[in-house]
Amino acid sequence: EKIYTMLYADELSYDVSCRAEELFQRLQHCNSTY
């Protein structure tokens, strides 16, 4: 039951942020208990 934490995610570059969002959208359906 780990709790994952991204600190200062607002500092990510625009490109990295976009890729992170895309991956999140793809993977969030794989695990409903994240």
All heavy atoms as atom14 arrays in JSON, in Angstrom:
{
  "sequence": "EKIYTMLYADELSYDVSCRAEELFQRLQHCNSTY",
  "atom14_mask": [
    [1, 1, 1, 1, 1, 1, 1, 1, 1, 0, 0, 0, 0, 0],
    [1, 1, 1, 1, 1, 1, 1, 1, 1, 0, 0, 0, 0, 0],
    [1, 1, 1, 1, 1, 1, 1, 1, 0, 0, 0, 0, 0, 0],
    [1, 1, 1, 1, 1, 1, 1, 1, 1, 1, 1, 1, 0, 0],
    [1, 1, 1, 1, 1, 1, 1, 0, 0, 0, 0, 0, 0, 0],
    [1, 1, 1, 1, 1, 1, 1, 1, 0, 0, 0, 0, 0, 0],
    [1, 1, 1, 1, 1, 1, 1, 1, 0, 0, 0, 0, 0, 0],
    [1, 1, 1, 1, 1, 1, 1, 1, 1, 1, 1, 1, 0, 0],
    [1, 1, 1, 1, 1, 0, 0, 0, 0, 0, 0, 0, 0, 0],
    [1, 1, 1, 1, 1, 1, 1, 1, 0, 0, 0, 0, 0, 0],
    [1, 1, 1, 1, 1, 1, 1, 1, 1, 0, 0, 0, 0, 0],
    [1, 1, 1, 1, 1, 1, 1, 1, 0, 0, 0, 0, 0, 0],
    [1, 1, 1, 1, 1, 1, 0, 0, 0, 0, 0, 0, 0, 0],
    [1, 1, 1, 1, 1, 1, 1, 1, 1, 1, 1, 1, 0, 0],
    [1, 1, 1, 1, 1, 1, 1, 1, 0, 0, 0, 0, 0, 0],
    [1, 1, 1, 1, 1, 1, 1, 0, 0, 0, 0, 0, 0, 0],
    [1, 1, 1, 1, 1, 1, 0, 0, 0, 0, 0, 0, 0, 0],
    [1, 1, 1, 1, 1, 1, 0, 0, 0, 0, 0, 0, 0, 0],
    [1, 1, 1, 1, 1, 1, 1, 1, 1, 1, 1, 0, 0, 0],
    [1, 1, 1, 1, 1, 0, 0, 0, 0, 0, 0, 0, 0, 0],
    [1, 1, 1, 1, 1, 1, 1, 1, 1, 0, 0, 0, 0, 0],
    [1, 1, 1, 1, 1, 1, 1, 1, 1, 0, 0, 0, 0, 0],
    [1, 1, 1, 1, 1, 1, 1, 1, 0, 0, 0, 0, 0, 0],
    [1, 1, 1, 1, 1, 1, 1, 1, 1, 1, 1, 0, 0, 0],
    [1, 1, 1, 1, 1, 1, 1, 1, 1, 0, 0, 0, 0, 0],
    [1, 1, 1, 1, 1, 1, 1, 1, 1, 1, 1, 0, 0, 0],
    [1, 1, 1, 1, 1, 1, 1, 1, 0, 0, 0, 0, 0, 0],
    [1, 1, 1, 1, 1, 1, 1, 1, 1, 0, 0, 0, 0, 0],
    [1, 1, 1, 1, 1, 1, 1, 1, 1, 1, 0, 0, 0, 0],
    [1, 1, 1, 1, 1, 1, 0, 0, 0, 0, 0, 0, 0, 0],
    [1, 1, 1, 1, 1, 1, 1, 1, 0, 0, 0, 0, 0, 0],
    [1, 1, 1, 1, 1, 1, 0, 0, 0, 0, 0, 0, 0, 0],
    [1, 1, 1, 1, 1, 1, 1, 0, 0, 0, 0, 0, 0, 0],
    [1, 1, 1, 1, 1, 1, 1, 1, 1, 1, 1, 1, 0, 0]
  ],
  "atom14_positions": [
    [[0.82, -1.21, 0.0], [0.0, 0.0, 0.0], [0.86, 1.26, 0.0], [0.67, 2.14, 0.82], [-0.89, -0.01, 1.25], [-1.84, -1.19, 1.3], [-3.12, -0.9, 0.58], [-3.58, 0.26, 0.59], [-3.67, -1.84, -0.01], [0.0, 0.0, 0.0], [0.0, 0.0, 0.0], [0.0, 0.0, 0.0], [0.0, 0.0, 0.0], [0.0, 0.0, 0.0]],
    [[1.77, 1.37, -0.91], [2.64, 2.54, -0.95], [1.89, 3.78, -1.4], [0.97, 3.7, -2.19], [3.82, 2.29, -1.9], [4.79, 1.24, -1.41], [5.95, 1.12, -2.35], [6.99, 0.17, -1.8], [8.2, 0.15, -2.64], [0.0, 0.0, 0.0], [0.0, 0.0, 0.0], [0.0, 0.0, 0.0], [0.0, 0.0, 0.0], [0.0, 0.0, 0.0]],
    [[2.32, 4.92, -0.88], [1.78, 6.21, -1.3], [2.9, 6.92, -2.06], [3.94, 7.23, -1.49], [1.34, 7.06, -0.09], [0.24, 6.33, 0.69], [0.86, 8.43, -0.56], [-0.14, 7.03, 1.98], [0.0, 0.0, 0.0], [0.0, 0.0, 0.0], [0.0, 0.0, 0.0], [0.0, 0.0, 0.0], [0.0, 0.0, 0.0], [0.0, 0.0, 0.0]],
    [[2.7, 7.14, -3.34], [3.7, 7.78, -4.19], [3.48, 9.28, -4.19], [2.34, 9.75, -4.23], [3.63, 7.21, -5.61], [4.06, 5.77, -5.65], [3.16, 4.74, -5.42], [5.39, 5.45, -5.9], [3.57, 3.42, -5.44], [5.8, 4.13, -5.93], [4.89, 3.12, -5.69], [5.3, 1.82, -5.7], [0.0, 0.0, 0.0], [0.0, 0.0, 0.0]],
    [[4.58, 10.03, -4.15], [4.48, 11.49, -4.04], [5.41, 12.16, -5.03], [6.6, 11.87, -5.08], [4.86, 11.94, -2.61], [4.05, 11.23, -1.67], [4.65, 13.42, -2.44], [0.0, 0.0, 0.0], [0.0, 0.0, 0.0], [0.0, 0.0, 0.0], [0.0, 0.0, 0.0], [0.0, 0.0, 0.0], [0.0, 0.0, 0.0], [0.0, 0.0, 0.0]],
    [[4.84, 13.07, -5.81], [5.63, 13.93, -6.7], [5.7, 15.3, -6.03], [4.68, 15.94, -5.8], [4.95, 14.08, -8.07], [4.99, 12.83, -8.9], [4.15, 13.04, -10.5], [5.29, 14.14, -11.33], [0.0, 0.0, 0.0], [0.0, 0.0, 0.0], [0.0, 0.0, 0.0], [0.0, 0.0, 0.0], [0.0, 0.0, 0.0], [0.0, 0.0, 0.0]],
    [[6.92, 15.72, -5.69], [7.11, 17.02, -5.04], [7.49, 18.06, -6.08], [8.33, 17.81, -6.94], [8.23, 16.92, -3.99], [7.97, 15.98, -2.83], [9.23, 15.82, -2.0], [6.84, 16.5, -1.98], [0.0, 0.0, 0.0], [0.0, 0.0, 0.0], [0.0, 0.0, 0.0], [0.0, 0.0, 0.0], [0.0, 0.0, 0.0], [0.0, 0.0, 0.0]],
    [[6.89, 19.22, -5.99], [7.16, 20.35, -6.88], [6.94, 19.98, -8.35], [7.71, 20.36, -9.22], [8.57, 20.91, -6.67], [8.82, 21.31, -5.25], [9.79, 20.67, -4.49], [8.08, 22.33, -4.65], [10.01, 21.04, -3.17], [8.3, 22.69, -3.34], [9.26, 22.05, -2.6], [9.48, 22.4, -1.29], [0.0, 0.0, 0.0], [0.0, 0.0, 0.0]],
    [[5.86, 19.25, -8.61], [5.55, 18.85, -9.99], [5.3, 20.05, -10.89], [5.43, 19.95, -12.1], [4.34, 17.92, -10.0], [0.0, 0.0, 0.0], [0.0, 0.0, 0.0], [0.0, 0.0, 0.0], [0.0, 0.0, 0.0], [0.0, 0.0, 0.0], [0.0, 0.0, 0.0], [0.0, 0.0, 0.0], [0.0, 0.0, 0.0], [0.0, 0.0, 0.0]],
    [[5.0, 21.19, -10.3], [4.78, 22.42, -11.09], [6.06, 22.9, -11.75], [6.02, 23.73, -12.65], [4.21, 23.53, -10.2], [5.04, 23.75, -8.95], [5.02, 22.88, -8.05], [5.72, 24.79, -8.86], [0.0, 0.0, 0.0], [0.0, 0.0, 0.0], [0.0, 0.0, 0.0], [0.0, 0.0, 0.0], [0.0, 0.0, 0.0], [0.0, 0.0, 0.0]],
    [[7.21, 22.39, -11.33], [8.49, 22.81, -11.91], [8.9, 21.99, -13.13], [9.89, 22.31, -13.78], [9.59, 22.74, -10.85], [9.39, 23.77, -9.76], [10.64, 24.04, -8.96], [11.73, 23.65, -9.41], [10.51, 24.64, -7.9], [0.0, 0.0, 0.0], [0.0, 0.0, 0.0], [0.0, 0.0, 0.0], [0.0, 0.0, 0.0], [0.0, 0.0, 0.0]],
    [[8.14, 20.95, -13.45], [8.47, 20.16, -14.64], [8.33, 21.02, -15.88], [7.45, 21.89, -15.96], [7.53, 18.96, -14.74], [7.67, 17.88, -13.67], [6.57, 16.85, -13.82], [9.03, 17.23, -13.72], [0.0, 0.0, 0.0], [0.0, 0.0, 0.0], [0.0, 0.0, 0.0], [0.0, 0.0, 0.0], [0.0, 0.0, 0.0], [0.0, 0.0, 0.0]],
    [[9.16, 20.76, -16.88], [9.04, 21.49, -18.13], [7.71, 21.15, -18.8], [7.07, 20.15, -18.48], [10.2, 21.13, -19.07], [10.03, 19.82, -19.56], [0.0, 0.0, 0.0], [0.0, 0.0, 0.0], [0.0, 0.0, 0.0], [0.0, 0.0, 0.0], [0.0, 0.0, 0.0], [0.0, 0.0, 0.0], [0.0, 0.0, 0.0], [0.0, 0.0, 0.0]],
    [[7.31, 21.98, -19.74], [6.03, 21.78, -20.43], [6.0, 20.43, -21.14], [5.03, 19.68, -21.03], [5.78, 22.92, -21.42], [4.49, 22.78, -22.17], [3.28, 23.13, -21.57], [4.47, 22.27, -23.47], [2.08, 22.99, -22.26], [3.28, 22.13, -24.15], [2.09, 22.49, -23.54], [0.91, 22.33, -24.21], [0.0, 0.0, 0.0], [0.0, 0.0, 0.0]],
    [[7.08, 20.1, -21.86], [7.12, 18.83, -22.6], [7.04, 17.63, -21.67], [6.3, 16.67, -21.93], [8.39, 18.74, -23.44], [8.41, 19.75, -24.58], [7.31, 20.19, -24.99], [9.51, 20.09, -25.05], [0.0, 0.0, 0.0], [0.0, 0.0, 0.0], [0.0, 0.0, 0.0], [0.0, 0.0, 0.0], [0.0, 0.0, 0.0], [0.0, 0.0, 0.0]],
    [[7.79, 17.67, -20.58], [7.77, 16.57, -19.61], [6.38, 16.47, -18.97], [5.85, 15.37, -18.8], [8.87, 16.75, -18.55], [8.73, 15.74, -17.42], [10.25, 16.65, -19.19], [0.0, 0.0, 0.0], [0.0, 0.0, 0.0], [0.0, 0.0, 0.0], [0.0, 0.0, 0.0], [0.0, 0.0, 0.0], [0.0, 0.0, 0.0], [0.0, 0.0, 0.0]],
    [[5.78, 17.59, -18.66], [4.44, 17.6, -18.07], [3.42, 16.99, -19.01], [2.56, 16.2, -18.58], [4.03, 19.03, -17.71], [4.87, 19.57, -16.73], [0.0, 0.0, 0.0], [0.0, 0.0, 0.0], [0.0, 0.0, 0.0], [0.0, 0.0, 0.0], [0.0, 0.0, 0.0], [0.0, 0.0, 0.0], [0.0, 0.0, 0.0], [0.0, 0.0, 0.0]],
    [[3.49, 17.34, -20.28], [2.56, 16.77, -21.27], [2.71, 15.26, -21.36], [1.71, 14.53, -21.37], [2.78, 17.39, -22.64], [2.26, 19.1, -22.77], [0.0, 0.0, 0.0], [0.0, 0.0, 0.0], [0.0, 0.0, 0.0], [0.0, 0.0, 0.0], [0.0, 0.0, 0.0], [0.0, 0.0, 0.0], [0.0, 0.0, 0.0], [0.0, 0.0, 0.0]],
    [[3.93, 14.81, -21.41], [4.17, 13.35, -21.5], [3.71, 12.65, -20.23], [3.17, 11.54, -20.29], [5.65, 13.07, -21.78], [6.0, 13.44, -23.22], [7.43, 13.19, -23.58], [7.83, 11.79, -23.42], [9.08, 11.37, -23.58], [10.04, 12.23, -23.92], [9.4, 10.11, -23.41], [0.0, 0.0, 0.0], [0.0, 0.0, 0.0], [0.0, 0.0, 0.0]],
    [[3.89, 13.3, -19.08], [3.44, 12.72, -17.81], [1.92, 12.59, -17.8], [1.39, 11.55, -17.37], [3.92, 13.58, -16.64], [0.0, 0.0, 0.0], [0.0, 0.0, 0.0], [0.0, 0.0, 0.0], [0.0, 0.0, 0.0], [0.0, 0.0, 0.0], [0.0, 0.0, 0.0], [0.0, 0.0, 0.0], [0.0, 0.0, 0.0], [0.0, 0.0, 0.0]],
    [[1.24, 13.61, -18.26], [-0.22, 13.55, -18.3], [-0.7, 12.44, -19.22], [-1.61, 11.66, -18.88], [-0.82, 14.88, -18.75], [-2.33, 14.82, -18.8], [-2.97, 15.82, -19.72], [-2.25, 16.55, -20.42], [-4.2, 15.84, -19.75], [0.0, 0.0, 0.0], [0.0, 0.0, 0.0], [0.0, 0.0, 0.0], [0.0, 0.0, 0.0], [0.0, 0.0, 0.0]],
    [[-0.1, 12.33, -20.4], [-0.49, 11.29, -21.35], [-0.31, 9.9, -20.75], [-1.2, 9.05, -20.85], [0.34, 11.41, -22.63], [0.01, 12.61, -23.47], [1.01, 12.82, -24.6], [1.86, 11.93, -24.86], [0.95, 13.9, -25.24], [0.0, 0.0, 0.0], [0.0, 0.0, 0.0], [0.0, 0.0, 0.0], [0.0, 0.0, 0.0], [0.0, 0.0, 0.0]],
    [[0.83, 9.69, -20.1], [1.09, 8.39, -19.49], [0.11, 8.13, -18.35], [-0.42, 7.02, -18.22], [2.53, 8.32, -18.99], [2.94, 6.99, -18.36], [2.87, 5.87, -19.41], [4.32, 7.08, -17.76], [0.0, 0.0, 0.0], [0.0, 0.0, 0.0], [0.0, 0.0, 0.0], [0.0, 0.0, 0.0], [0.0, 0.0, 0.0], [0.0, 0.0, 0.0]],
    [[-0.14, 9.13, -17.55], [-1.1, 8.98, -16.45], [-2.46, 8.57, -16.99], [-3.09, 7.65, -16.46], [-1.21, 10.29, -15.66], [-2.22, 10.22, -14.56], [-1.88, 9.66, -13.33], [-3.51, 10.69, -14.74], [-2.82, 9.58, -12.31], [-4.45, 10.62, -13.73], [-4.1, 10.06, -12.51], [0.0, 0.0, 0.0], [0.0, 0.0, 0.0], [0.0, 0.0, 0.0]],
    [[-2.92, 9.24, -18.05], [-4.22, 8.92, -18.64], [-4.27, 7.48, -19.15], [-5.29, 6.8, -19.02], [-4.56, 9.89, -19.78], [-4.72, 11.33, -19.35], [-5.83, 11.55, -18.34], [-6.76, 10.77, -18.23], [-5.72, 12.62, -17.57], [0.0, 0.0, 0.0], [0.0, 0.0, 0.0], [0.0, 0.0, 0.0], [0.0, 0.0, 0.0], [0.0, 0.0, 0.0]],
    [[-3.16, 7.0, -19.71], [-3.11, 5.62, -20.23], [-3.07, 4.6, -19.1], [-3.7, 3.55, -19.19], [-1.88, 5.43, -21.12], [-2.05, 5.95, -22.51], [-1.02, 5.38, -23.47], [0.3, 5.17, -22.94], [1.33, 5.99, -23.08], [1.19, 7.12, -23.73], [2.51, 5.7, -22.58], [0.0, 0.0, 0.0], [0.0, 0.0, 0.0], [0.0, 0.0, 0.0]],
    [[-2.31, 4.88, -18.04], [-2.06, 3.87, -17.01], [-3.03, 3.88, -15.84], [-3.14, 2.88, -15.14], [-0.64, 4.02, -16.46], [0.5, 3.71, -17.41], [1.83, 3.94, -16.7], [0.4, 2.29, -17.93], [0.0, 0.0, 0.0], [0.0, 0.0, 0.0], [0.0, 0.0, 0.0], [0.0, 0.0, 0.0], [0.0, 0.0, 0.0], [0.0, 0.0, 0.0]],
    [[-3.72, 4.98, -15.61], [-4.56, 5.05, -14.42], [-5.67, 3.99, -14.43], [-6.15, 3.59, -13.37], [-5.16, 6.43, -14.24], [-6.27, 6.77, -15.2], [-6.96, 8.07, -14.85], [-6.75, 8.61, -13.78], [-7.75, 8.57, -15.75], [0.0, 0.0, 0.0], [0.0, 0.0, 0.0], [0.0, 0.0, 0.0], [0.0, 0.0, 0.0], [0.0, 0.0, 0.0]],
    [[-6.05, 3.52, -15.6], [-7.1, 2.51, -15.69], [-6.57, 1.11, -15.38], [-7.37, 0.21, -15.14], [-7.74, 2.55, -17.09], [-8.24, 3.91, -17.44], [-9.31, 4.49, -16.8], [-7.81, 4.83, -18.33], [-9.53, 5.7, -17.3], [-8.62, 5.93, -18.24], [0.0, 0.0, 0.0], [0.0, 0.0, 0.0], [0.0, 0.0, 0.0], [0.0, 0.0, 0.0]],
    [[-5.26, 0.94, -15.35], [-4.66, -0.36, -15.06], [-4.74, -0.71, -13.58], [-4.69, -1.88, -13.21], [-3.19, -0.38, -15.49], [-2.95, -0.14, -17.24], [0.0, 0.0, 0.0], [0.0, 0.0, 0.0], [0.0, 0.0, 0.0], [0.0, 0.0, 0.0], [0.0, 0.0, 0.0], [0.0, 0.0, 0.0], [0.0, 0.0, 0.0], [0.0, 0.0, 0.0]],
    [[-4.82, 0.31, -12.75], [-4.76, 0.09, -11.31], [-5.74, 1.05, -10.64], [-5.48, 2.24, -10.54], [-3.34, 0.32, -10.8], [-3.19, 0.08, -9.32], [-4.13, -0.32, -8.65], [-2.01, 0.33, -8.81], [0.0, 0.0, 0.0], [0.0, 0.0, 0.0], [0.0, 0.0, 0.0], [0.0, 0.0, 0.0], [0.0, 0.0, 0.0], [0.0, 0.0, 0.0]],
    [[-6.84, 0.52, -10.15], [-7.85, 1.39, -9.53], [-7.51, 1.72, -8.08], [-8.19, 2.53, -7.46], [-9.22, 0.71, -9.6], [-9.2, -0.5, -8.88], [0.0, 0.0, 0.0], [0.0, 0.0, 0.0], [0.0, 0.0, 0.0], [0.0, 0.0, 0.0], [0.0, 0.0, 0.0], [0.0, 0.0, 0.0], [0.0, 0.0, 0.0], [0.0, 0.0, 0.0]],
    [[-6.46, 1.11, -7.54], [-6.12, 1.35, -6.13], [-4.83, 2.14, -5.96], [-4.26, 2.14, -4.88], [-6.0, 0.02, -5.37], [-4.95, -0.74, -5.96], [-7.3, -0.76, -5.41], [0.0, 0.0, 0.0], [0.0, 0.0, 0.0], [0.0, 0.0, 0.0], [0.0, 0.0, 0.0], [0.0, 0.0, 0.0], [0.0, 0.0, 0.0], [0.0, 0.0, 0.0]],
    [[-4.37, 2.81, -7.01], [-3.13, 3.57, -6.89], [-3.31, 4.7, -5.88], [-4.42, 5.18, -5.65], [-2.68, 4.12, -8.24], [-3.55, 5.23, -8.79], [-3.28, 6.56, -8.49], [-4.63, 4.95, -9.61], [-4.09, 7.58, -8.98], [-5.43, 5.96, -10.11], [-5.15, 7.27, -9.79], [-5.95, 8.27, -10.27], [0.0, 0.0, 0.0], [0.0, 0.0, 0.0]]
  ]
}
